[in-house]
Amino acid sequence: MAEASHNGMRVDEGVITTKIAELTVRIDERSNLLWASPLGKLWRKIYGDKSNANSDHQLRSILFDKLHYDAVKTTETGAPAVDYETLAALPDNDVKHLIAVSKLSKVRDTYLKSLAREQVNGWIHPNFNLHLVTTFRSSSDHPNFHNIPKRDAQSRNLVRSVIFPREGHQFMSADFSGIEVRIAACYHQDPTMLSYINDPTTDMHRDMAIQLFDLKAFDKSCSGDKHLRQGAKNGFVFPQFYGDYYGNNAKILIEYARTCPDLSDGSKILDQLSDKKLVKLNNDGKIVNYNNFTDHVRDVEAHFWGKRFQVYQEWKEEFYAKYQKNGYIDLLTGFRCSGVMNRNEVINYPVQGSAFHCLLWSFNKIFAISKRQEWDSRLVGQIHDDMILDVEPSELEHIVRIVRKVTCKLMPANWSWIIVPIDIEIELAGVDDPWVKLDKYKEDE
């Protein structure tokens, strides 16, 4: 990790400066629209000179206490959430100005200004720490490479477009595919989960989409069906694995239903849910009540843990009871987590820690091979389950073979407790292209 930090990545200082200036203009324009809107005028009326568009406390007070909107989801403390997903689901059109200001400000102040501040002679050298995270995962700082946006397209394009490999080289990403689900299966050994992992013809997220949205059929080529599958994955399956509950899940899932394109038969999912009395729509087709859908998600949750993944549920109970007795939990990779932990932490820490150790073991092995074989290509960073390489084009095919051998064969063979196949997804950018240009690498070419 120290060597990766030393290797660093190029940044374009001129482009960063230009983007910061452009974003400042855009932020000012959207801020003016926000404060001139009915929402902004109410905000000014209540808070006067202390009005702060970045204050979650003020925003919650206005949206949920004054305007009485229903909270789409809540935080761990029970307060209404005010993240982008929540705000986008509200019927207030003025909120879009607030979202734009918040997103653009974060790109400018958190990401681009950080890159400008930390660069030295056009290079950044992020730290990758192995001693700061309780779960035994890594962290990053100066700048925080782990925090660079990926999911939001606008933020991703703005930030990743200023980061470059060495001249004449290209970025390569090697990302462990579903590693935490696979490592979790090594702990709980639920037969249903093992079947999903080992049989490529099965699809857990598809099956859950069918159950959650009560679909009669599923067409993986249909954008609407794929949208609902993504909703089942991000709004139910993974939140459930990490300790969420049906009430929050239903709020997220109904938003996926609200924004869903037409299904494969040309129908709309909201109309189907309405026909089944799971939601109530007004004459404009907008949701006015989805209490029955929430009850339905509660029943799916009960089936999820009581039938579909019963062994997984039993493992969670036994593992937590063991922690309560001993005061610590042991990871399959040989590490021990101790101290005060809540139930979700006890269940999640060993999975997250062991999954990262798979990457760390592979990272070290690839690094050793690169030195022994005197590669011109270099490891330059990692983000969670993803290794980033700066590749010399003539070495590309050899490096892909080495990376696959290490991650998918040597690493699992090193630990006998890994009882599932391990896979990685490789993405590649063109020579001299910025990081944002990564795309799926076609290894059969």
Protein backbone atom coordinates (compact mmCIF):
# COMPACT_ATOMS: atom_id res chain seq x y z
CA MET A 1 0.00 0.00 0.00
CA ALA A 2 2.89 2.38 0.72
CA GLU A 3 4.34 1.59 -2.70
CA ALA A 4 0.97 2.25 -4.35
CA SER A 5 0.79 5.58 -2.55
CA HIS A 6 4.34 6.41 -3.69
CA ASN A 7 3.49 5.55 -7.32
CA GLY A 8 0.62 8.00 -7.40
CA MET A 9 -1.58 9.24 -10.26
CA ARG A 10 -1.44 12.29 -12.51
CA VAL A 11 -4.01 15.06 -12.26
CA ASP A 12 -4.60 17.91 -14.70
CA GLU A 13 -4.25 21.09 -12.62
CA GLY A 14 -5.56 23.34 -15.39
CA VAL A 15 -8.71 21.30 -15.89
CA ILE A 16 -9.31 21.19 -12.12
CA THR A 17 -9.06 24.99 -11.87
CA THR A 18 -11.42 25.45 -14.83
CA LYS A 19 -13.97 22.97 -13.43
CA ILE A 20 -13.94 24.68 -10.02
CA ALA A 21 -14.64 28.05 -11.65
CA GLU A 22 -17.42 26.61 -13.82
CA LEU A 23 -19.03 24.86 -10.85
CA THR A 24 -18.98 28.06 -8.82
CA VAL A 25 -21.02 29.79 -11.54
CA ARG A 26 -23.48 26.89 -11.72
CA ILE A 27 -23.83 26.76 -7.93
CA ASP A 28 -24.58 30.49 -7.76
CA GLU A 29 -27.21 30.16 -10.50
CA ARG A 30 -29.01 27.26 -8.80
CA SER A 31 -28.73 28.94 -5.38
CA ASN A 32 -30.49 32.02 -6.74
CA LEU A 33 -33.26 29.82 -8.14
CA LEU A 34 -33.58 28.05 -4.79
CA TRP A 35 -33.92 31.23 -2.70
CA ALA A 36 -36.35 32.74 -5.21
CA SER A 37 -38.62 29.69 -5.09
CA PRO A 38 -41.54 29.25 -2.63
CA LEU A 39 -39.42 26.75 -0.68
CA GLY A 40 -36.53 29.22 -0.45
CA LYS A 41 -38.81 32.10 0.58
CA LEU A 42 -40.28 29.97 3.39
CA TRP A 43 -36.76 29.06 4.45
CA ARG A 44 -35.76 32.75 4.59
CA LYS A 45 -38.93 33.61 6.48
CA ILE A 46 -38.16 31.07 9.19
CA TYR A 47 -34.38 31.37 9.51
CA GLY A 48 -33.65 34.83 8.07
CA ASP A 49 -29.93 35.61 7.81
CA LYS A 50 -29.12 32.24 9.39
CA SER A 51 -30.62 30.34 6.44
CA ASN A 52 -28.17 27.65 5.39
CA ALA A 53 -28.87 25.33 2.46
CA ASN A 54 -26.28 22.91 3.85
CA SER A 55 -28.04 22.54 7.22
CA ASP A 56 -29.79 19.17 7.50
CA HIS A 57 -31.49 20.38 10.69
CA GLN A 58 -33.07 23.38 8.95
CA LEU A 59 -34.04 21.26 5.95
CA ARG A 60 -35.74 18.62 8.11
CA SER A 61 -37.64 21.28 10.02
CA ILE A 62 -38.98 22.89 6.84
CA LEU A 63 -39.83 19.74 4.87
CA PHE A 64 -41.25 17.58 7.65
CA ASP A 65 -42.38 19.99 10.39
CA LYS A 66 -43.60 22.94 8.33
CA LEU A 67 -44.59 21.36 5.01
CA HIS A 68 -45.54 18.03 6.61
CA TYR A 69 -44.10 15.77 3.94
CA ASP A 70 -43.86 12.06 4.73
CA ALA A 71 -40.31 10.83 5.30
CA VAL A 72 -39.24 8.33 2.63
CA LYS A 73 -36.78 6.76 5.07
CA THR A 74 -35.14 7.52 8.41
CA THR A 75 -31.61 7.64 9.78
CA GLU A 76 -30.27 5.30 12.47
CA THR A 77 -31.44 7.81 15.09
CA GLY A 78 -34.98 7.83 13.71
CA ALA A 79 -34.79 11.30 12.15
CA PRO A 80 -36.12 11.77 8.59
CA ALA A 81 -33.35 11.18 6.06
CA VAL A 82 -32.44 14.06 3.75
CA ASP A 83 -30.08 12.34 1.33
CA TYR A 84 -30.39 12.74 -2.44
CA GLU A 85 -32.59 9.67 -2.83
CA THR A 86 -35.02 10.90 -0.18
CA LEU A 87 -35.21 14.45 -1.52
CA ALA A 88 -35.76 13.26 -5.09
CA ALA A 89 -38.81 11.30 -3.95
CA LEU A 90 -40.56 14.36 -2.49
CA PRO A 91 -43.31 16.03 -4.54
CA ASP A 92 -41.83 19.53 -4.05
CA ASN A 93 -40.29 20.63 -7.38
CA ASP A 94 -38.22 23.34 -5.67
CA VAL A 95 -36.19 20.63 -3.95
CA LYS A 96 -34.44 19.93 -7.26
CA HIS A 97 -32.58 23.24 -6.90
CA LEU A 98 -31.41 22.21 -3.44
CA ILE A 99 -30.23 18.82 -4.74
CA ALA A 100 -28.30 20.49 -7.55
CA VAL A 101 -26.61 22.98 -5.20
CA SER A 102 -25.71 20.21 -2.75
CA LYS A 103 -24.28 17.88 -5.40
CA LEU A 104 -22.31 20.55 -7.23
CA SER A 105 -20.96 22.01 -3.98
CA LYS A 106 -19.77 18.59 -2.85
CA VAL A 107 -18.00 17.95 -6.16
CA ARG A 108 -16.29 21.34 -5.98
CA ASP A 109 -15.45 21.55 -2.27
CA THR A 110 -15.01 17.93 -1.19
CA TYR A 111 -13.46 16.42 -4.30
CA LEU A 112 -11.94 18.88 -6.77
CA LYS A 113 -10.57 21.30 -4.17
CA SER A 114 -9.12 18.35 -2.28
CA LEU A 115 -7.34 17.15 -5.41
CA ALA A 116 -6.05 20.66 -6.07
CA ARG A 117 -4.84 21.00 -2.48
CA GLU A 118 -3.14 17.59 -2.29
CA GLN A 119 -1.48 17.49 -5.73
CA VAL A 120 2.27 18.07 -5.94
CA ASN A 121 3.63 18.99 -9.35
CA GLY A 122 0.56 17.46 -11.01
CA TRP A 123 0.56 14.22 -8.99
CA ILE A 124 -1.55 12.90 -6.11
CA HIS A 125 -0.29 10.26 -3.67
CA PRO A 126 -3.26 9.09 -1.56
CA ASN A 127 -2.50 7.30 1.71
CA PHE A 128 -3.97 3.80 2.11
CA ASN A 129 -4.25 2.98 5.82
CA LEU A 130 -4.52 -0.48 7.34
CA HIS A 131 -4.75 0.44 11.04
CA LEU A 132 -7.71 2.80 11.42
CA VAL A 133 -10.87 0.81 10.61
CA THR A 134 -12.41 -1.43 13.28
CA THR A 135 -13.55 -4.01 10.73
CA PHE A 136 -9.94 -4.44 9.48
CA ARG A 137 -10.80 -2.82 6.17
CA SER A 138 -8.61 -0.04 4.78
CA SER A 139 -9.14 3.71 4.70
CA SER A 140 -7.66 6.51 2.61
CA ASP A 141 -6.73 10.16 3.09
CA HIS A 142 -4.82 13.11 1.60
CA PRO A 143 -6.85 12.88 -0.60
CA ASN A 144 -9.50 10.33 0.38
CA PHE A 145 -9.31 8.11 -2.70
CA HIS A 146 -12.08 5.86 -1.36
CA ASN A 147 -14.52 8.77 -1.29
CA ILE A 148 -14.25 9.69 -4.96
CA PRO A 149 -17.78 9.31 -6.42
CA LYS A 150 -18.78 6.38 -8.60
CA ARG A 151 -22.56 5.86 -8.54
CA ASP A 152 -23.75 9.39 -9.33
CA ALA A 153 -22.95 9.88 -13.02
CA GLN A 154 -22.58 13.66 -12.93
CA SER A 155 -20.23 13.64 -9.92
CA ARG A 156 -18.27 10.68 -11.26
CA ASN A 157 -17.67 12.31 -14.63
CA LEU A 158 -16.60 15.63 -13.14
CA VAL A 159 -14.07 14.17 -10.69
CA ARG A 160 -12.68 11.10 -12.41
CA SER A 161 -12.09 13.00 -15.64
CA VAL A 162 -9.14 14.89 -14.10
CA ILE A 163 -7.19 11.80 -12.91
CA PHE A 164 -4.78 10.18 -15.40
CA PRO A 165 -2.23 7.34 -15.62
CA ARG A 166 1.38 7.97 -16.62
CA GLU A 167 1.80 9.16 -20.19
CA GLY A 168 1.55 6.28 -22.66
CA HIS A 169 -0.17 4.06 -20.05
CA GLN A 170 -3.74 3.10 -19.23
CA PHE A 171 -5.82 2.53 -16.12
CA MET A 172 -7.04 -0.97 -15.28
CA SER A 173 -9.52 -1.93 -12.55
CA ALA A 174 -9.77 -5.41 -11.02
CA ASP A 175 -12.92 -5.51 -8.87
CA PHE A 176 -13.91 -8.56 -6.81
CA SER A 177 -17.42 -9.54 -7.90
CA GLY A 178 -19.91 -9.85 -5.02
CA ILE A 179 -17.08 -10.61 -2.63
CA GLU A 180 -18.95 -9.82 0.59
CA VAL A 181 -21.88 -12.06 -0.32
CA ARG A 182 -19.44 -14.85 -1.17
CA ILE A 183 -17.41 -14.42 2.02
CA ALA A 184 -20.58 -14.25 4.11
CA ALA A 185 -21.54 -17.63 2.61
CA CYS A 186 -18.23 -19.04 3.85
CA TYR A 187 -19.33 -18.12 7.37
CA HIS A 188 -22.99 -19.16 7.43
CA GLN A 189 -22.87 -21.85 4.67
CA ASP A 190 -26.56 -21.45 3.90
CA PRO A 191 -27.38 -24.04 1.20
CA THR A 192 -29.73 -21.68 -0.67
CA MET A 193 -27.08 -18.98 -0.82
CA LEU A 194 -24.42 -21.48 -1.89
CA SER A 195 -26.73 -22.64 -4.67
CA TYR A 196 -27.17 -19.06 -5.89
CA ILE A 197 -23.41 -18.51 -5.91
CA ASN A 198 -22.44 -21.81 -7.51
CA ASP A 199 -25.14 -21.98 -10.18
CA PRO A 200 -24.76 -19.17 -12.78
CA THR A 201 -28.26 -19.84 -14.13
CA THR A 202 -29.81 -18.62 -10.87
CA ASP A 203 -30.30 -14.96 -9.92
CA MET A 204 -31.15 -14.02 -6.35
CA HIS A 205 -31.98 -10.40 -7.17
CA ARG A 206 -34.28 -11.42 -10.03
CA ASP A 207 -36.12 -13.86 -7.75
CA MET A 208 -36.53 -11.21 -5.07
CA ALA A 209 -37.80 -8.66 -7.61
CA ILE A 210 -40.46 -11.14 -8.73
CA GLN A 211 -41.50 -11.76 -5.12
CA LEU A 212 -41.34 -8.15 -3.91
CA PHE A 213 -43.23 -6.64 -6.85
CA ASP A 214 -45.44 -9.70 -7.39
CA LEU A 215 -44.39 -10.02 -11.04
CA LYS A 216 -45.97 -12.63 -13.29
CA ALA A 217 -42.88 -12.84 -15.50
CA PHE A 218 -39.38 -11.39 -15.80
CA ASP A 219 -37.52 -10.39 -18.96
CA LYS A 220 -33.88 -9.53 -18.30
CA SER A 221 -33.71 -7.59 -21.58
CA CYS A 222 -36.52 -5.22 -20.52
CA SER A 223 -35.39 -1.94 -18.94
CA GLY A 224 -38.38 -1.90 -16.59
CA ASP A 225 -37.77 -5.42 -15.33
CA LYS A 226 -34.05 -4.67 -14.90
CA HIS A 227 -34.95 -1.53 -12.96
CA LEU A 228 -37.03 -3.55 -10.51
CA ARG A 229 -34.23 -6.11 -10.17
CA GLN A 230 -31.88 -3.26 -9.24
CA GLY A 231 -34.47 -2.07 -6.75
CA ALA A 232 -34.69 -5.51 -5.15
CA LYS A 233 -30.89 -5.62 -4.92
CA ASN A 234 -30.28 -2.14 -3.53
CA GLY A 235 -33.57 -1.62 -1.72
CA PHE A 236 -34.07 -5.00 -0.07
CA VAL A 237 -31.45 -7.76 -0.42
CA PHE A 238 -28.30 -5.89 0.60
CA PRO A 239 -30.04 -3.72 3.22
CA GLN A 240 -31.44 -6.92 4.76
CA PHE A 241 -28.02 -8.54 4.78
CA TYR A 242 -26.65 -5.50 6.62
CA GLY A 243 -29.43 -5.38 9.20
CA ASP A 244 -32.13 -3.10 7.77
CA TYR A 245 -35.86 -3.82 8.18
CA TYR A 246 -38.94 -3.99 5.98
CA GLY A 247 -40.25 -0.48 6.81
CA ASN A 248 -37.23 1.28 5.35
CA ASN A 249 -37.07 -1.22 2.51
CA ALA A 250 -40.68 -0.54 1.48
CA LYS A 251 -40.01 3.22 1.21
CA ILE A 252 -37.06 2.64 -1.12
CA LEU A 253 -38.81 -0.05 -3.15
CA ILE A 254 -41.88 2.09 -3.75
CA GLU A 255 -39.61 4.82 -5.15
CA TYR A 256 -38.15 2.28 -7.59
CA ALA A 257 -41.71 1.39 -8.57
CA ARG A 258 -42.61 5.06 -9.02
CA THR A 259 -39.66 5.68 -11.38
CA CYS A 260 -39.87 2.35 -13.22
CA PRO A 261 -40.07 2.29 -17.06
CA ASP A 262 -42.75 0.13 -18.70
CA LEU A 263 -42.49 -3.61 -18.07
CA SER A 264 -41.96 -6.22 -20.78
CA ASP A 265 -45.72 -6.52 -21.43
CA GLY A 266 -46.05 -2.73 -21.82
CA SER A 267 -47.78 -2.24 -18.48
CA LYS A 268 -46.73 -0.06 -15.55
CA ILE A 269 -45.74 -1.61 -12.25
CA LEU A 270 -47.74 0.95 -10.25
CA ASP A 271 -50.90 -0.03 -12.13
CA GLN A 272 -50.21 -3.69 -11.37
CA LEU A 273 -49.63 -2.95 -7.70
CA SER A 274 -52.82 -0.87 -7.65
CA ASP A 275 -54.84 -3.69 -9.23
CA LYS A 276 -53.57 -5.98 -6.46
CA LYS A 277 -54.57 -3.41 -3.79
CA LEU A 278 -50.95 -3.00 -2.69
CA VAL A 279 -50.93 0.74 -3.45
CA LYS A 280 -53.60 3.39 -3.84
CA LEU A 281 -53.27 5.89 -6.70
CA ASN A 282 -55.07 9.17 -7.33
CA ASN A 283 -56.60 10.16 -10.67
CA ASP A 284 -53.19 11.38 -11.86
CA GLY A 285 -51.63 7.99 -11.19
CA LYS A 286 -49.60 9.21 -8.20
CA ILE A 287 -49.23 7.23 -5.00
CA VAL A 288 -51.38 8.40 -2.11
CA ASN A 289 -51.03 5.31 0.10
CA TYR A 290 -48.82 2.21 0.09
CA ASN A 291 -49.53 0.73 3.53
CA ASN A 292 -50.54 -2.61 2.01
CA PHE A 293 -47.28 -2.72 0.06
CA THR A 294 -45.37 -2.18 3.32
CA ASP A 295 -47.27 -5.10 4.85
CA HIS A 296 -46.39 -7.16 1.78
CA VAL A 297 -42.67 -6.34 2.18
CA ARG A 298 -42.94 -7.35 5.84
CA ASP A 299 -44.25 -10.75 4.74
CA VAL A 300 -41.46 -11.08 2.18
CA GLU A 301 -38.93 -10.28 4.90
CA ALA A 302 -40.39 -13.01 7.11
CA HIS A 303 -40.12 -15.51 4.25
CA PHE A 304 -36.63 -14.25 3.35
CA TRP A 305 -35.19 -15.17 6.75
CA GLY A 306 -37.66 -17.83 7.84
CA LYS A 307 -37.62 -19.94 4.67
CA ARG A 308 -35.28 -18.78 1.90
CA PHE A 309 -32.20 -18.16 4.08
CA GLN A 310 -33.12 -19.98 7.26
CA VAL A 311 -29.60 -21.34 7.87
CA TYR A 312 -28.15 -17.84 7.42
CA GLN A 313 -30.59 -16.56 10.06
CA GLU A 314 -29.66 -19.35 12.45
CA TRP A 315 -25.95 -18.53 12.00
CA LYS A 316 -26.62 -14.87 12.84
CA GLU A 317 -28.33 -15.86 16.08
CA GLU A 318 -25.58 -18.29 17.07
CA PHE A 319 -22.75 -15.91 16.10
CA TYR A 320 -24.24 -13.05 18.11
CA ALA A 321 -24.81 -15.33 21.12
CA LYS A 322 -21.15 -16.38 20.95
CA TYR A 323 -20.08 -12.73 20.96
CA GLN A 324 -22.30 -12.01 23.97
CA LYS A 325 -20.61 -14.85 25.83
CA ASN A 326 -16.99 -14.17 24.81
CA GLY A 327 -16.91 -10.41 24.19
CA TYR A 328 -15.14 -10.81 20.85
CA ILE A 329 -15.52 -12.33 17.37
CA ASP A 330 -12.88 -14.12 15.34
CA LEU A 331 -12.46 -13.63 11.61
CA LEU A 332 -11.71 -16.56 9.32
CA THR A 333 -8.55 -14.70 8.28
CA GLY A 334 -7.16 -14.92 11.82
CA PHE A 335 -8.04 -11.48 13.20
CA ARG A 336 -10.11 -10.72 16.29
CA CYS A 337 -12.66 -7.92 16.82
CA SER A 338 -13.45 -7.11 20.44
CA GLY A 339 -15.14 -4.43 22.50
CA VAL A 340 -18.68 -3.06 22.48
CA MET A 341 -20.52 -3.89 19.25
CA ASN A 342 -24.19 -3.89 18.37
CA ARG A 343 -25.90 -6.82 16.69
CA ASN A 344 -25.42 -5.58 13.13
CA GLU A 345 -21.74 -4.86 13.74
CA VAL A 346 -21.18 -8.36 15.09
CA ILE A 347 -22.71 -9.86 11.96
CA ASN A 348 -21.11 -7.49 9.44
CA TYR A 349 -17.58 -6.97 10.76
CA PRO A 350 -16.25 -10.46 10.02
CA VAL A 351 -17.64 -10.37 6.48
CA GLN A 352 -16.26 -6.93 5.66
CA GLY A 353 -12.89 -7.62 7.25
CA SER A 354 -12.38 -11.01 5.62
CA ALA A 355 -13.51 -9.71 2.23
CA PHE A 356 -10.92 -6.95 2.39
CA HIS A 357 -8.23 -9.41 3.44
CA CYS A 358 -8.91 -11.29 0.19
CA LEU A 359 -8.03 -8.12 -1.69
CA LEU A 360 -5.05 -7.38 0.55
CA TRP A 361 -3.59 -10.86 0.10
CA SER A 362 -4.01 -10.55 -3.67
CA PHE A 363 -2.62 -7.01 -3.72
CA ASN A 364 0.55 -8.14 -1.94
CA LYS A 365 1.00 -11.18 -4.19
CA ILE A 366 0.55 -9.16 -7.40
CA PHE A 367 2.95 -6.55 -6.07
CA ALA A 368 5.60 -9.21 -5.36
CA ILE A 369 5.19 -10.70 -8.85
CA SER A 370 5.44 -7.26 -10.46
CA LYS A 371 8.77 -6.66 -8.71
CA ARG A 372 10.16 -10.09 -9.52
CA GLN A 373 9.17 -9.83 -13.18
CA GLU A 374 10.20 -6.15 -13.38
CA TRP A 375 6.91 -4.84 -14.73
CA ASP A 376 6.72 -1.30 -15.99
CA SER A 377 3.07 -1.44 -14.91
CA ARG A 378 2.25 -0.47 -11.33
CA LEU A 379 -0.38 -0.87 -8.64
CA VAL A 380 -1.52 2.64 -7.77
CA GLY A 381 -4.49 2.22 -5.44
CA GLN A 382 -7.52 0.36 -4.16
CA ILE A 383 -11.11 1.26 -3.34
CA HIS A 384 -12.92 -1.23 -1.13
CA ASP A 385 -12.94 -4.42 -3.28
CA ASP A 386 -11.24 -2.86 -6.30
CA MET A 387 -7.55 -2.75 -7.25
CA ILE A 388 -6.38 0.06 -9.56
CA LEU A 389 -3.37 -0.46 -11.85
CA ASP A 390 -1.41 1.86 -14.14
CA VAL A 391 -0.63 -0.48 -17.07
CA GLU A 392 1.97 -0.39 -19.83
CA PRO A 393 -0.06 -1.47 -22.91
CA SER A 394 2.41 -4.15 -24.08
CA GLU A 395 2.10 -5.86 -20.66
CA LEU A 396 -1.72 -5.79 -20.54
CA GLU A 397 -2.61 -9.37 -21.52
CA HIS A 398 0.08 -10.82 -19.24
CA ILE A 399 -1.10 -8.69 -16.30
CA VAL A 400 -4.72 -9.71 -16.81
CA ARG A 401 -3.68 -13.37 -16.69
CA ILE A 402 -1.62 -12.81 -13.53
CA VAL A 403 -4.36 -10.86 -11.79
CA ARG A 404 -6.95 -13.54 -12.58
CA LYS A 405 -4.61 -16.32 -11.46
CA VAL A 406 -3.82 -14.63 -8.17
CA THR A 407 -7.36 -13.55 -7.26
CA CYS A 408 -9.38 -16.50 -8.55
CA LYS A 409 -6.96 -19.41 -7.97
CA LEU A 410 -4.00 -18.71 -5.69
CA MET A 411 -5.85 -16.66 -3.08
CA PRO A 412 -8.74 -19.16 -2.59
CA ALA A 413 -6.23 -22.02 -2.52
CA ASN A 414 -4.33 -20.24 0.26
CA TRP A 415 -7.40 -20.31 2.55
CA SER A 416 -9.22 -23.62 2.82
CA TRP A 417 -12.24 -21.90 4.40
CA ILE A 418 -13.12 -20.30 1.05
CA ILE A 419 -15.74 -22.76 -0.20
CA VAL A 420 -17.17 -20.68 -3.06
CA PRO A 421 -15.72 -19.58 -6.41
CA ILE A 422 -14.11 -16.13 -6.47
CA ASP A 423 -14.43 -13.92 -9.54
CA ILE A 424 -13.27 -10.46 -10.59
CA GLU A 425 -14.54 -7.93 -13.09
CA ILE A 426 -11.85 -6.19 -15.14
CA GLU A 427 -12.33 -2.75 -16.66
CA LEU A 428 -9.87 -0.89 -18.87
CA ALA A 429 -9.46 2.70 -20.08
CA GLY A 430 -7.70 3.67 -23.28
CA VAL A 431 -4.08 4.78 -23.42
CA ASP A 432 -3.72 8.25 -21.84
CA ASP A 433 -7.46 8.30 -21.04
CA PRO A 434 -8.66 9.57 -17.65
CA TRP A 435 -10.01 7.26 -14.97
CA VAL A 436 -13.62 8.01 -15.93
CA LYS A 437 -13.13 6.17 -19.25
CA LEU A 438 -12.93 2.72 -17.64
CA ASP A 439 -15.10 0.19 -19.49
CA LYS A 440 -15.58 -3.56 -19.39
CA TYR A 441 -12.51 -5.36 -20.75
CA LYS A 442 -13.30 -7.98 -23.39
CA GLU A 443 -10.83 -10.73 -22.62
CA ASP A 444 -11.86 -12.87 -25.60
CA GLU A 445 -10.49 -10.34 -28.09
